[in-house]
């Protein structure tokens, strides 16, 4: 056991600021690298998945986005073990170099039109390397800052690390907005999208220089001097029930809900604006950037507040609010961002009448299915391409289908006939091909997005301090990293892909929200029953 008083970090205000600034800036740059892909998913879909239909291509692009999240737990295990064996600082440098190099290479990749299927394969490989790097980064940064923090201020200190994901997203948004505006949409979609990836090499150099100025964490130095570091952190963290049970409680009672609230508020909302509500990409980026700018200080507020009232009540309140309000909030977002679409849905809903057994799942990963075998497939494929929400009703079993747009019935005979009849019917019912920029209620959209970001700050601001405090210092890097990255990598990272696939399958543009709502409720229940309060614990043991 390490003596808490001897191990407590004695640091000046200047060194406190240096620790927070150096750790945070480096992590901001890593998040910038990682989130560029998510922001440019629509453009990347056209560049690397042009061999499949548009709906499949977008879901595939999101799947490649999620691939980086899929391997984050493995990065957590690999780099967490290294961090507990050899130290926090040196592990930073390795993860940062891997992240920066992978991001730079994305900007150099040939498109699908140039090298065919090799292009998306190479893209996914680079996303996997990014995910491995990020899997080792967060736990190290949070542990490093927490182990420098004075007692009673860990929530405040680590909340600065919690801002880095949003600041990294904000930085990526800023770069994308500037380049997109300067070049124009056509040039940006053609080749300008590469520039934000390529300039990351400059950020890599700055980040490495910043991290080289840091010393090792005082808690790790103390353990090293006393010979109490873990010889087998993986076995100790996950092979012993006394520690493994807290890994499971942390995952299901805190991190899973935090993850889905985070990715719904910062990514799904953006994709929903751009893909579902058909808001211009540049306008969607600006709207969410404003909301992020307004919301970011609340990470610090809730981190500070968690030092006063505890981590658990703030995180679980955020999950509860998300579960209760997501459906009405996203319906409000539709009415504010694309009022013509909301009015058309209410006035002239689209219904597909077909027998369920004649309907295919509208997703083809190899791009060879044309979805024209039955009337149901023809109808749903056309509606998905047009981005039109629809409901499903039972119809005859003979493969025939009928689509009702308001009061007008359109029998589905073949693809050409249906396409020719659908377009004027949708136009007559008021369904817009794009959101009208002049009709967008921008203040209301920003207010709604700010509310979603505010929920993010509630669940995310205190989470680092909670995770650090749950585990002993000898296995902290390893033990906290795995539940964090399973939660954020799998529950959160797969959210956009899963939610949009649910929407594509049902035609209901809100159906994908069931995913974050159910996970948030699970976390609320498990957290209330099993998650301990940790804010008064000492971490020097």
Protein backbone atom coordinates (compact mmCIF):
# COMPACT_ATOMS: atom_id res chain seq x y z
CA UNK A 1 0.00 0.00 0.00
CA UNK A 2 1.36 3.44 -0.93
CA UNK A 3 1.20 6.08 1.76
CA UNK A 4 -1.33 8.61 0.50
CA UNK A 5 0.37 11.58 2.10
CA UNK A 6 3.78 10.67 0.70
CA UNK A 7 2.40 10.00 -2.75
CA UNK A 8 0.18 13.05 -3.00
CA UNK A 9 1.43 15.32 -5.76
CA UNK A 10 2.96 18.55 -4.53
CA UNK A 11 2.71 20.93 -7.48
CA UNK A 12 2.65 24.66 -7.96
CA UNK A 13 -0.15 26.48 -9.79
CA UNK A 14 2.17 26.90 -12.75
CA UNK A 15 2.91 23.16 -12.91
CA UNK A 16 -0.79 22.35 -12.46
CA UNK A 17 -1.56 24.51 -15.48
CA UNK A 18 1.30 22.91 -17.41
CA UNK A 19 0.05 19.38 -16.69
CA UNK A 20 -3.52 20.20 -17.69
CA UNK A 21 -2.56 22.26 -20.74
CA UNK A 22 0.01 19.80 -22.09
CA UNK A 23 -2.20 16.75 -21.55
CA UNK A 24 -5.30 18.45 -22.91
CA UNK A 25 -3.76 20.00 -26.01
CA UNK A 26 -2.19 16.74 -27.07
CA UNK A 27 -5.49 14.93 -26.60
CA UNK A 28 -7.39 17.67 -28.51
CA UNK A 29 -5.17 17.06 -31.52
CA UNK A 30 -5.76 13.31 -31.34
CA UNK A 31 -9.54 13.83 -31.25
CA UNK A 32 -9.22 16.27 -34.16
CA UNK A 33 -7.56 13.52 -36.18
CA UNK A 34 -10.13 10.92 -35.19
CA UNK A 35 -13.24 13.02 -35.77
CA UNK A 36 -12.35 14.35 -39.21
CA UNK A 37 -13.63 11.13 -40.69
CA UNK A 38 -16.97 11.38 -38.90
CA UNK A 39 -17.52 14.94 -40.08
CA UNK A 40 -16.76 14.01 -43.66
CA UNK A 41 -18.68 10.71 -43.74
CA UNK A 42 -20.95 11.89 -46.57
CA UNK A 43 -18.01 13.03 -48.74
CA UNK A 44 -15.99 9.91 -47.93
CA UNK A 45 -18.99 7.77 -48.84
CA UNK A 46 -18.88 9.22 -52.37
CA UNK A 47 -15.07 8.92 -52.63
CA UNK A 48 -14.52 5.40 -51.28
CA UNK A 49 -17.88 3.59 -51.53
CA UNK A 50 -19.14 4.76 -54.91
CA UNK A 51 -19.48 1.16 -56.11
CA UNK A 52 -22.70 0.63 -54.13
CA UNK A 53 -26.06 2.40 -53.98
CA UNK A 54 -26.24 5.68 -52.05
CA UNK A 55 -28.00 4.39 -48.93
CA UNK A 56 -25.69 1.38 -48.63
CA UNK A 57 -22.66 3.58 -49.31
CA UNK A 58 -23.53 5.95 -46.47
CA UNK A 59 -24.15 3.10 -44.02
CA UNK A 60 -20.89 1.52 -45.19
CA UNK A 61 -19.04 4.81 -44.65
CA UNK A 62 -20.47 4.94 -41.14
CA UNK A 63 -19.37 1.34 -40.64
CA UNK A 64 -15.83 2.32 -41.58
CA UNK A 65 -16.16 5.19 -39.09
CA UNK A 66 -17.26 2.63 -36.50
CA UNK A 67 -14.33 0.33 -37.36
CA UNK A 68 -12.03 2.76 -35.59
CA UNK A 69 -14.19 2.40 -32.51
CA UNK A 70 -14.36 -1.39 -32.77
CA UNK A 71 -10.65 -1.81 -32.04
CA UNK A 72 -10.44 0.82 -29.30
CA UNK A 73 -10.85 -1.78 -26.51
CA UNK A 74 -7.91 -3.71 -27.95
CA UNK A 75 -5.86 -0.53 -27.97
CA UNK A 76 -6.93 0.01 -24.37
CA UNK A 77 -5.67 -3.44 -23.40
CA UNK A 78 -2.36 -3.15 -25.28
CA UNK A 79 -1.45 0.41 -24.34
CA UNK A 80 -3.09 0.23 -20.91
CA UNK A 81 -0.77 -2.64 -20.04
CA UNK A 82 2.23 -0.70 -21.34
CA UNK A 83 1.14 2.37 -19.33
CA UNK A 84 0.90 0.36 -16.10
CA UNK A 85 4.22 -1.38 -16.74
CA UNK A 86 6.50 1.37 -18.07
CA UNK A 87 4.68 4.63 -17.34
CA UNK A 88 2.04 7.07 -18.55
CA UNK A 89 4.23 9.57 -20.41
CA UNK A 90 6.05 7.27 -22.85
CA UNK A 91 2.77 5.57 -23.79
CA UNK A 92 1.41 9.00 -24.80
CA UNK A 93 4.15 9.42 -27.37
CA UNK A 94 3.55 6.08 -29.07
CA UNK A 95 -0.23 6.52 -29.35
CA UNK A 96 0.15 10.04 -30.66
CA UNK A 97 2.63 9.08 -33.37
CA UNK A 98 0.40 6.22 -34.54
CA UNK A 99 -2.68 8.45 -34.66
CA UNK A 100 -1.00 11.31 -36.51
CA UNK A 101 0.61 9.13 -39.16
CA UNK A 102 -2.63 7.25 -39.87
CA UNK A 103 -4.61 10.47 -40.25
CA UNK A 104 -2.06 11.98 -42.62
CA UNK A 105 -2.17 8.88 -44.82
CA UNK A 106 -5.99 9.07 -45.14
CA UNK A 107 -5.44 12.37 -46.96
CA UNK A 108 -3.20 10.60 -49.50
CA UNK A 109 -5.43 7.59 -50.24
CA UNK A 110 -6.59 7.08 -53.85
CA UNK A 111 -10.36 6.95 -54.32
CA UNK A 112 -12.56 4.03 -55.37
CA UNK A 113 -12.60 5.41 -58.90
CA UNK A 114 -8.79 5.13 -59.02
CA UNK A 115 -8.01 1.75 -57.46
CA UNK A 116 -11.39 0.09 -56.91
CA UNK A 117 -12.10 -2.00 -53.83
CA UNK A 118 -8.54 -1.54 -52.52
CA UNK A 119 -9.46 2.05 -51.60
CA UNK A 120 -12.10 1.27 -48.93
CA UNK A 121 -9.93 -1.61 -47.63
CA UNK A 122 -6.96 0.72 -47.08
CA UNK A 123 -9.27 3.29 -45.53
CA UNK A 124 -10.57 0.76 -43.02
CA UNK A 125 -7.00 -0.35 -42.17
CA UNK A 126 -6.04 3.24 -41.34
CA UNK A 127 -9.22 3.66 -39.29
CA UNK A 128 -8.27 0.55 -37.32
CA UNK A 129 -4.82 2.00 -36.58
CA UNK A 130 -6.45 5.25 -35.44
CA UNK A 131 -8.75 3.31 -33.15
CA UNK A 132 -5.87 1.37 -31.59
CA UNK A 133 -4.04 4.62 -30.89
CA UNK A 134 -7.05 6.33 -29.37
CA UNK A 135 -7.69 3.24 -27.24
CA UNK A 136 -4.42 3.92 -25.46
CA UNK A 137 -4.64 7.70 -25.34
CA UNK A 138 -7.66 8.56 -23.20
CA UNK A 139 -6.90 6.36 -20.20
CA UNK A 140 -3.36 7.69 -20.08
CA UNK A 141 -4.38 11.34 -20.23
CA UNK A 142 -7.15 10.96 -17.63
CA UNK A 143 -4.92 8.94 -15.29
CA UNK A 144 -2.00 11.32 -15.70
CA UNK A 145 -4.04 14.43 -14.87
CA UNK A 146 -5.94 12.77 -12.00
CA UNK A 147 -2.69 11.60 -10.42
CA UNK A 148 -1.45 15.20 -10.42
CA UNK A 149 -4.68 16.65 -9.02
CA UNK A 150 -5.04 17.76 -5.38
CA UNK A 151 -7.64 15.94 -3.28
CA UNK A 152 -11.09 17.43 -3.84
CA UNK A 153 -10.27 18.75 -7.31
CA UNK A 154 -10.02 15.61 -9.44
CA UNK A 155 -13.40 16.25 -11.07
CA UNK A 156 -12.36 19.78 -11.97
CA UNK A 157 -8.90 18.81 -13.22
CA UNK A 158 -10.03 15.83 -15.31
CA UNK A 159 -12.96 17.80 -16.74
CA UNK A 160 -10.43 19.66 -18.87
CA UNK A 161 -9.52 16.29 -20.43
CA UNK A 162 -13.25 15.74 -20.98
CA UNK A 163 -13.45 18.94 -23.02
CA UNK A 164 -10.79 17.67 -25.41
CA UNK A 165 -13.13 15.40 -27.38
CA UNK A 166 -15.52 18.29 -27.99
CA UNK A 167 -12.69 20.76 -28.61
CA UNK A 168 -11.13 18.31 -31.06
CA UNK A 169 -14.47 18.01 -32.83
CA UNK A 170 -14.83 21.78 -32.72
CA UNK A 171 -11.34 22.24 -34.20
CA UNK A 172 -12.12 19.75 -36.95
CA UNK A 173 -15.42 21.52 -37.64
CA UNK A 174 -13.62 24.86 -37.82
CA UNK A 175 -11.03 23.61 -40.29
CA UNK A 176 -13.67 21.89 -42.44
CA UNK A 177 -15.93 24.97 -42.43
CA UNK A 178 -13.10 27.34 -43.42
CA UNK A 179 -11.80 25.10 -46.22
CA UNK A 180 -15.30 24.24 -47.45
CA UNK A 181 -16.31 27.91 -47.56
CA UNK A 182 -13.09 29.04 -49.24
CA UNK A 183 -13.11 26.35 -51.95
CA UNK A 184 -16.80 25.86 -52.60
CA UNK A 185 -18.73 22.63 -52.19
CA UNK A 186 -17.83 21.10 -55.56
CA UNK A 187 -14.04 21.49 -55.20
CA UNK A 188 -14.16 20.42 -51.57
CA UNK A 189 -16.09 17.24 -52.41
CA UNK A 190 -13.67 16.50 -55.27
CA UNK A 191 -10.30 16.94 -53.56
CA UNK A 192 -10.42 19.66 -50.90
CA UNK A 193 -11.62 17.18 -48.24
CA UNK A 194 -8.05 15.84 -48.17
CA UNK A 195 -6.58 19.08 -46.80
CA UNK A 196 -7.85 18.72 -43.20
CA UNK A 197 -6.26 15.27 -43.05
CA UNK A 198 -2.95 16.42 -44.52
CA UNK A 199 -2.48 19.38 -42.18
CA UNK A 200 -2.72 16.99 -39.23
CA UNK A 201 0.99 16.30 -39.72
CA UNK A 202 1.63 19.81 -38.37
CA UNK A 203 -0.55 19.09 -35.35
CA UNK A 204 1.37 15.85 -34.81
CA UNK A 205 4.65 17.74 -34.56
CA UNK A 206 3.20 20.26 -32.10
CA UNK A 207 1.61 17.50 -30.00
CA UNK A 208 4.80 15.46 -29.75
CA UNK A 209 6.77 18.54 -28.70
CA UNK A 210 4.19 19.36 -26.00
CA UNK A 211 4.16 15.83 -24.61
CA UNK A 212 7.97 15.69 -24.47
CA UNK A 213 7.89 18.55 -21.94
CA UNK A 214 6.03 16.43 -19.37
CA UNK A 215 7.46 14.37 -16.55
CA UNK A 216 6.12 11.04 -15.35
CA UNK A 217 3.09 10.97 -13.03
CA UNK A 218 4.02 11.30 -9.31
CA UNK A 219 1.88 8.29 -8.36
CA UNK A 220 3.62 6.09 -10.93
CA UNK A 221 7.06 7.39 -9.87
CA UNK A 222 6.19 6.52 -6.27
CA UNK A 223 5.07 3.01 -7.22
CA UNK A 224 8.19 2.52 -9.31
CA UNK A 225 10.44 3.65 -6.46
CA UNK A 226 8.72 1.32 -4.00
CA UNK A 227 8.56 -1.61 -6.43
CA UNK A 228 4.76 -1.89 -6.16
CA UNK A 229 3.86 -1.63 -9.86
CA UNK A 230 1.85 -4.52 -11.22
CA UNK A 231 3.81 -7.29 -12.94
CA UNK A 232 0.71 -8.56 -14.78
CA UNK A 233 -1.87 -5.75 -15.02
CA UNK A 234 -4.14 -7.66 -17.44
CA UNK A 235 -4.41 -10.67 -15.14
CA UNK A 236 -4.83 -8.52 -12.07
CA UNK A 237 -7.46 -6.27 -13.67
CA UNK A 238 -9.56 -8.84 -15.50
CA UNK A 239 -8.60 -12.21 -14.00
CA UNK A 240 -9.61 -11.37 -10.44
CA UNK A 241 -13.28 -10.92 -9.61
CA UNK A 242 -12.57 -8.21 -7.03
CA UNK A 243 -11.44 -5.94 -9.90
CA UNK A 244 -13.41 -7.42 -12.80
CA UNK A 245 -16.75 -6.76 -11.11
CA UNK A 246 -15.96 -3.03 -11.02
CA UNK A 247 -14.99 -3.14 -14.69
CA UNK A 248 -18.48 -4.52 -15.46
CA UNK A 249 -20.22 -2.04 -13.14
CA UNK A 250 -18.28 0.83 -14.72
CA UNK A 251 -19.26 -0.34 -18.21
CA UNK A 252 -22.97 -0.97 -17.73
CA UNK A 253 -23.61 1.41 -14.84
CA UNK A 254 -21.86 4.49 -16.23
CA UNK A 255 -19.93 4.34 -19.49
CA UNK A 256 -22.44 2.68 -21.85
CA UNK A 257 -25.08 5.33 -21.14
CA UNK A 258 -22.51 8.11 -21.22
CA UNK A 259 -21.33 6.87 -24.61
CA UNK A 260 -24.71 6.78 -26.34
CA UNK A 261 -25.66 10.19 -24.95
CA UNK A 262 -22.35 11.59 -26.16
CA UNK A 263 -22.55 10.18 -29.69
CA UNK A 264 -26.21 11.03 -30.07
CA UNK A 265 -25.62 14.65 -29.05
CA UNK A 266 -22.47 15.28 -31.06
CA UNK A 267 -22.54 12.91 -34.03
CA UNK A 268 -25.96 11.45 -34.63
CA UNK A 269 -27.46 14.93 -34.41
CA UNK A 270 -25.06 16.14 -37.11
CA UNK A 271 -25.73 13.15 -39.37
CA UNK A 272 -29.48 13.52 -38.76
CA UNK A 273 -29.37 17.17 -39.86
CA UNK A 274 -27.32 16.48 -42.96
CA UNK A 275 -28.57 13.11 -44.15
CA UNK A 276 -32.15 12.85 -42.89
CA UNK A 277 -33.26 16.49 -42.80
CA UNK A 278 -31.19 17.37 -45.91
CA UNK A 279 -29.64 20.49 -44.43
CA UNK A 280 -26.65 21.70 -46.44
CA UNK A 281 -23.45 20.16 -45.07
CA UNK A 282 -21.68 23.46 -44.43
CA UNK A 283 -24.75 24.92 -42.68
CA UNK A 284 -25.11 21.80 -40.50
CA UNK A 285 -21.45 22.05 -39.50
CA UNK A 286 -21.83 25.71 -38.52
CA UNK A 287 -24.99 25.10 -36.48
CA UNK A 288 -23.46 22.29 -34.47
CA UNK A 289 -20.20 24.22 -34.05
CA UNK A 290 -22.13 27.07 -32.41
CA UNK A 291 -23.87 24.62 -30.07
CA UNK A 292 -20.54 23.03 -29.15
CA UNK A 293 -18.98 26.43 -28.45
CA UNK A 294 -21.87 27.30 -26.13
CA UNK A 295 -21.86 23.93 -24.41
CA UNK A 296 -18.15 23.27 -23.87
CA UNK A 297 -17.78 25.31 -20.63
CA UNK A 298 -20.35 23.04 -19.01
CA UNK A 299 -17.87 20.15 -19.06
CA UNK A 300 -15.85 22.18 -16.55
CA UNK A 301 -18.96 23.14 -14.59
CA UNK A 302 -20.19 19.57 -14.15
CA UNK A 303 -16.66 18.32 -13.42
CA UNK A 304 -16.36 20.95 -10.68
CA UNK A 305 -19.86 20.18 -9.41
CA UNK A 306 -19.03 16.47 -9.19
CA UNK A 307 -16.32 17.37 -6.63
CA UNK A 308 -19.09 18.86 -4.48
CA UNK A 309 -22.08 16.53 -4.87
CA UNK A 310 -20.58 13.38 -6.41
CA UNK A 311 -20.08 11.85 -9.85
CA UNK A 312 -22.99 9.39 -9.82
CA UNK A 313 -26.02 11.71 -9.54
CA UNK A 314 -24.84 13.98 -12.37
CA UNK A 315 -24.08 11.15 -14.81
CA UNK A 316 -27.31 9.24 -14.11
CA UNK A 317 -29.43 12.40 -14.32
CA UNK A 318 -28.01 13.03 -17.80
CA UNK A 319 -28.93 9.47 -18.85
CA UNK A 320 -32.45 9.85 -17.46
CA UNK A 321 -33.05 13.14 -19.27
CA UNK A 322 -31.79 11.66 -22.53
CA UNK A 323 -34.11 8.66 -22.29
CA UNK A 324 -37.10 10.87 -21.50
CA UNK A 325 -36.56 13.61 -24.08
CA UNK A 326 -34.78 12.27 -27.18
CA UNK A 327 -37.92 11.50 -29.19
CA UNK A 328 -39.66 14.86 -28.69
CA UNK A 329 -36.39 16.78 -29.06
CA UNK A 330 -35.55 15.21 -32.43
CA UNK A 331 -39.10 15.81 -33.61
CA UNK A 332 -38.63 19.47 -32.66
CA UNK A 333 -35.33 19.45 -34.58
CA UNK A 334 -37.14 18.24 -37.71
CA UNK A 335 -39.73 21.00 -37.45
CA UNK A 336 -37.05 23.67 -36.90
CA UNK A 337 -34.50 22.54 -39.51
CA UNK A 338 -36.82 21.33 -42.29
CA UNK A 339 -40.34 22.58 -41.57
CA UNK A 340 -41.55 21.60 -45.05
CA UNK A 341 -40.61 17.98 -44.37
CA UNK A 342 -42.32 18.03 -40.96
CA UNK A 343 -45.46 19.56 -42.46
CA UNK A 344 -45.52 17.08 -45.33
CA UNK A 345 -45.13 14.16 -42.93
CA UNK A 346 -48.07 15.41 -40.87
CA UNK A 347 -50.29 16.37 -43.82
CA UNK A 348 -49.51 13.60 -46.28
CA UNK A 349 -47.76 10.65 -44.61
CA UNK A 350 -46.19 8.04 -46.88
CA UNK A 351 -47.27 4.44 -46.26
CA UNK A 352 -45.94 1.31 -47.98
CA UNK A 353 -48.56 -1.45 -48.20
CA UNK A 354 -46.83 -4.80 -48.77
CA UNK A 355 -46.57 -8.21 -47.17
CA UNK A 356 -43.57 -8.25 -44.78
CA UNK A 357 -42.15 -11.44 -46.32
CA UNK A 358 -41.83 -9.70 -49.70
CA UNK A 359 -39.68 -6.89 -48.25
CA UNK A 360 -35.87 -7.10 -48.10
CA UNK A 361 -33.66 -5.33 -45.60
CA UNK A 362 -32.51 -2.26 -47.55
CA UNK A 363 -28.77 -2.74 -47.07
CA UNK A 364 -26.37 -4.50 -49.44
CA UNK A 365 -22.71 -4.55 -48.32
CA UNK A 366 -21.39 -5.68 -51.73
CA UNK A 367 -23.55 -3.42 -53.89
CA UNK A 368 -24.91 -6.11 -56.18
CA UNK A 369 -28.56 -6.06 -55.12
CA UNK A 370 -30.80 -3.68 -57.02
CA UNK A 371 -33.80 -4.19 -54.72
CA UNK A 372 -36.26 -4.65 -57.58
CA UNK A 373 -37.38 -8.25 -57.02
CA UNK A 374 -40.72 -7.30 -55.47
CA UNK A 375 -42.96 -4.26 -55.38
CA UNK A 376 -42.00 -3.69 -51.74
CA UNK A 377 -38.28 -3.63 -52.57
CA UNK A 378 -38.83 -1.23 -55.47
CA UNK A 379 -40.90 1.12 -53.32
CA UNK A 380 -38.61 1.14 -50.28
CA UNK A 381 -35.47 1.48 -52.36
CA UNK A 382 -36.86 4.54 -54.15
CA UNK A 383 -38.07 6.12 -50.90
CA UNK A 384 -34.72 5.49 -49.20
CA UNK A 385 -32.85 7.11 -52.10
CA UNK A 386 -35.15 10.12 -51.87
CA UNK A 387 -34.75 10.30 -48.09
CA UNK A 388 -38.51 10.08 -47.54
CA UNK A 389 -39.80 8.71 -44.23
CA UNK A 390 -42.55 6.15 -44.48
CA UNK A 391 -44.67 3.74 -42.45
CA UNK A 392 -45.31 0.07 -43.17
CA UNK A 393 -48.66 -1.68 -43.45
CA UNK A 394 -49.48 -5.28 -44.39
CA UNK A 395 -50.42 -5.94 -47.99
CA UNK A 396 -51.02 -8.96 -50.25
CA UNK A 397 -48.57 -11.88 -50.31
CA UNK A 398 -48.24 -11.95 -54.12
CA UNK A 399 -45.33 -9.49 -54.26
CA UNK A 400 -47.47 -6.54 -55.22
CA UNK A 401 -47.16 -3.29 -53.29
CA UNK A 402 -48.92 0.02 -53.08
CA UNK A 403 -47.55 3.33 -51.82
CA UNK A 404 -49.91 5.93 -50.43
CA UNK A 405 -48.71 9.56 -50.42
CA UNK A 406 -51.37 11.44 -48.50
CA UNK A 407 -54.57 10.61 -50.37
CA UNK A 408 -52.88 9.44 -53.59
CA UNK A 409 -52.30 5.71 -54.12
CA UNK A 410 -49.44 4.62 -56.38
CA UNK A 411 -49.42 0.92 -57.39
CA UNK A 412 -45.90 -0.43 -57.78
CA UNK A 413 -45.71 -2.18 -61.13
CA UNK A 414 -42.05 -1.75 -62.07
CA UNK A 415 -39.16 0.53 -61.17
CA UNK A 416 -39.57 2.97 -64.09
CA UNK A 417 -43.32 3.34 -63.65
CA UNK A 418 -43.04 3.84 -59.90
CA UNK A 419 -40.21 6.35 -60.16
CA UNK A 420 -42.13 8.39 -62.72
CA UNK A 421 -45.23 8.48 -60.51
CA UNK A 422 -43.50 8.98 -57.14
CA UNK A 423 -41.60 12.19 -57.89
CA UNK A 424 -44.61 14.36 -58.82
CA UNK A 425 -46.68 12.82 -56.00
CA UNK A 426 -44.05 13.78 -53.41
CA UNK A 427 -43.72 17.27 -54.88
CA UNK A 428 -47.49 17.74 -54.82
CA UNK A 429 -47.58 16.61 -51.17
CA UNK A 430 -44.89 19.18 -50.26
CA UNK A 431 -41.92 16.88 -49.63
CA UNK A 432 -38.81 19.01 -50.27
CA UNK A 433 -35.74 17.66 -52.11
CA UNK A 434 -33.54 19.73 -49.74
CA UNK A 435 -34.04 21.80 -46.62
CA UNK A 436 -34.73 25.43 -47.55
CA UNK A 437 -31.94 27.52 -45.93
CA UNK A 438 -34.28 30.50 -45.57
CA UNK A 439 -36.87 28.40 -43.73
CA UNK A 440 -34.48 26.98 -41.12
CA UNK A 441 -35.19 28.41 -37.67
CA UNK A 442 -31.51 28.75 -36.84
CA UNK A 443 -31.84 30.04 -33.24
CA UNK A 444 -34.18 27.18 -32.39
CA UNK A 445 -31.94 24.60 -34.08
CA UNK A 446 -28.94 25.89 -32.11
CA UNK A 447 -31.00 25.82 -28.89
CA UNK A 448 -31.99 22.19 -29.52
CA UNK A 449 -28.42 21.19 -30.38
CA UNK A 450 -27.19 23.05 -27.27
CA UNK A 451 -29.60 21.02 -25.12
CA UNK A 452 -28.23 17.80 -26.64
CA UNK A 453 -24.65 18.98 -25.97
CA UNK A 454 -25.63 19.95 -22.41
CA UNK A 455 -26.67 16.34 -21.77
CA UNK A 456 -23.29 15.30 -23.15
CA UNK A 457 -21.50 17.54 -20.65
CA UNK A 458 -23.51 16.07 -17.75
CA UNK A 459 -22.58 12.47 -18.50
CA UNK A 460 -19.07 13.10 -19.80
CA UNK A 461 -17.71 15.84 -17.54
CA UNK A 462 -17.40 13.66 -14.38
CA UNK A 463 -16.72 10.26 -16.02
CA UNK A 464 -12.91 10.39 -16.03
CA UNK A 465 -12.69 11.14 -12.32
CA UNK A 466 -15.19 8.35 -11.60
CA UNK A 467 -13.20 5.77 -13.57
CA UNK A 468 -9.86 6.80 -12.07
CA UNK A 469 -11.28 6.51 -8.56
CA UNK A 470 -12.83 3.06 -9.11
CA UNK A 471 -9.52 1.25 -9.59
CA UNK A 472 -6.22 0.93 -7.65
CA UNK A 473 -3.24 2.82 -9.04
CA UNK A 474 -1.20 -0.28 -9.93
CA UNK A 475 -3.74 -1.36 -12.59
CA UNK A 476 -5.58 1.94 -13.13
CA UNK A 477 -4.49 2.63 -16.73
CA UNK A 478 -5.49 -0.87 -17.85
CA UNK A 479 -8.64 -1.30 -15.76
CA UNK A 480 -10.27 2.06 -16.54
CA UNK A 481 -9.35 2.06 -20.22
CA UNK A 482 -11.17 -1.15 -21.15
CA UNK A 483 -14.70 -0.27 -19.93
CA UNK A 484 -14.28 3.26 -21.26
CA UNK A 485 -13.39 2.08 -24.74
CA UNK A 486 -15.88 -0.80 -24.87
CA UNK A 487 -18.55 1.72 -23.88
CA UNK A 488 -17.45 4.53 -26.17
CA UNK A 489 -15.96 2.35 -28.89
CA UNK A 490 -18.77 -0.18 -29.20
CA UNK A 491 -21.92 1.22 -27.60
CA UNK A 492 -21.15 4.75 -28.80
CA UNK A 493 -19.07 4.22 -31.92
CA UNK A 494 -21.57 1.85 -33.50
CA UNK A 495 -24.50 4.15 -32.73
CA UNK A 496 -24.64 6.12 -36.02
CA UNK A 497 -24.32 2.95 -38.12
CA UNK A 498 -26.85 1.00 -36.08
CA UNK A 499 -29.34 3.85 -35.83
CA UNK A 500 -29.29 4.66 -39.55
CA UNK A 501 -29.60 0.96 -40.44
CA UNK A 502 -32.68 0.83 -38.17
CA UNK A 503 -34.09 3.85 -39.98
CA UNK A 504 -33.36 2.31 -43.38
CA UNK A 505 -35.09 -0.91 -42.35
CA UNK A 506 -38.25 0.72 -41.02
CA UNK A 507 -38.58 4.01 -42.88
CA UNK A 508 -39.19 5.78 -39.56
CA UNK A 509 -36.62 8.59 -39.22
CA UNK A 510 -36.88 8.47 -35.41
CA UNK A 511 -36.69 4.71 -35.00
CA UNK A 512 -32.90 4.73 -34.56
CA UNK A 513 -33.33 6.72 -31.32
CA UNK A 514 -34.52 3.55 -29.58
CA UNK A 515 -30.89 2.45 -29.49
CA UNK A 516 -29.55 5.27 -27.25
CA UNK A 517 -32.76 5.39 -25.22
CA UNK A 518 -32.64 1.69 -24.29
CA UNK A 519 -28.91 1.79 -23.46
CA UNK A 520 -29.36 4.94 -21.34
CA UNK A 521 -32.16 3.23 -19.38
CA UNK A 522 -29.98 0.15 -18.79
CA UNK A 523 -27.20 2.37 -17.43
CA UNK A 524 -29.65 4.26 -15.24
CA UNK A 525 -30.92 1.04 -13.64
CA UNK A 526 -27.52 -0.63 -13.22
CA UNK A 527 -25.94 2.61 -11.99
CA UNK A 528 -28.63 3.21 -9.38
CA UNK A 529 -28.31 -0.35 -8.06
CA UNK A 530 -24.58 -1.08 -8.21
CA UNK A 531 -22.42 1.98 -9.00
CA UNK A 532 -20.68 3.34 -5.87
CA UNK A 533 -20.03 7.01 -5.24
CA UNK A 534 -16.28 7.65 -5.50
CA UNK A 535 -15.64 11.38 -5.19
CA UNK A 536 -14.29 11.18 -1.63
CA UNK A 537 -11.92 8.28 -2.31
CA UNK A 538 -8.13 8.62 -2.23
CA UNK A 539 -6.45 7.41 -5.43
CA UNK A 540 -2.98 7.02 -3.90
CA UNK A 541 -3.19 3.31 -3.21
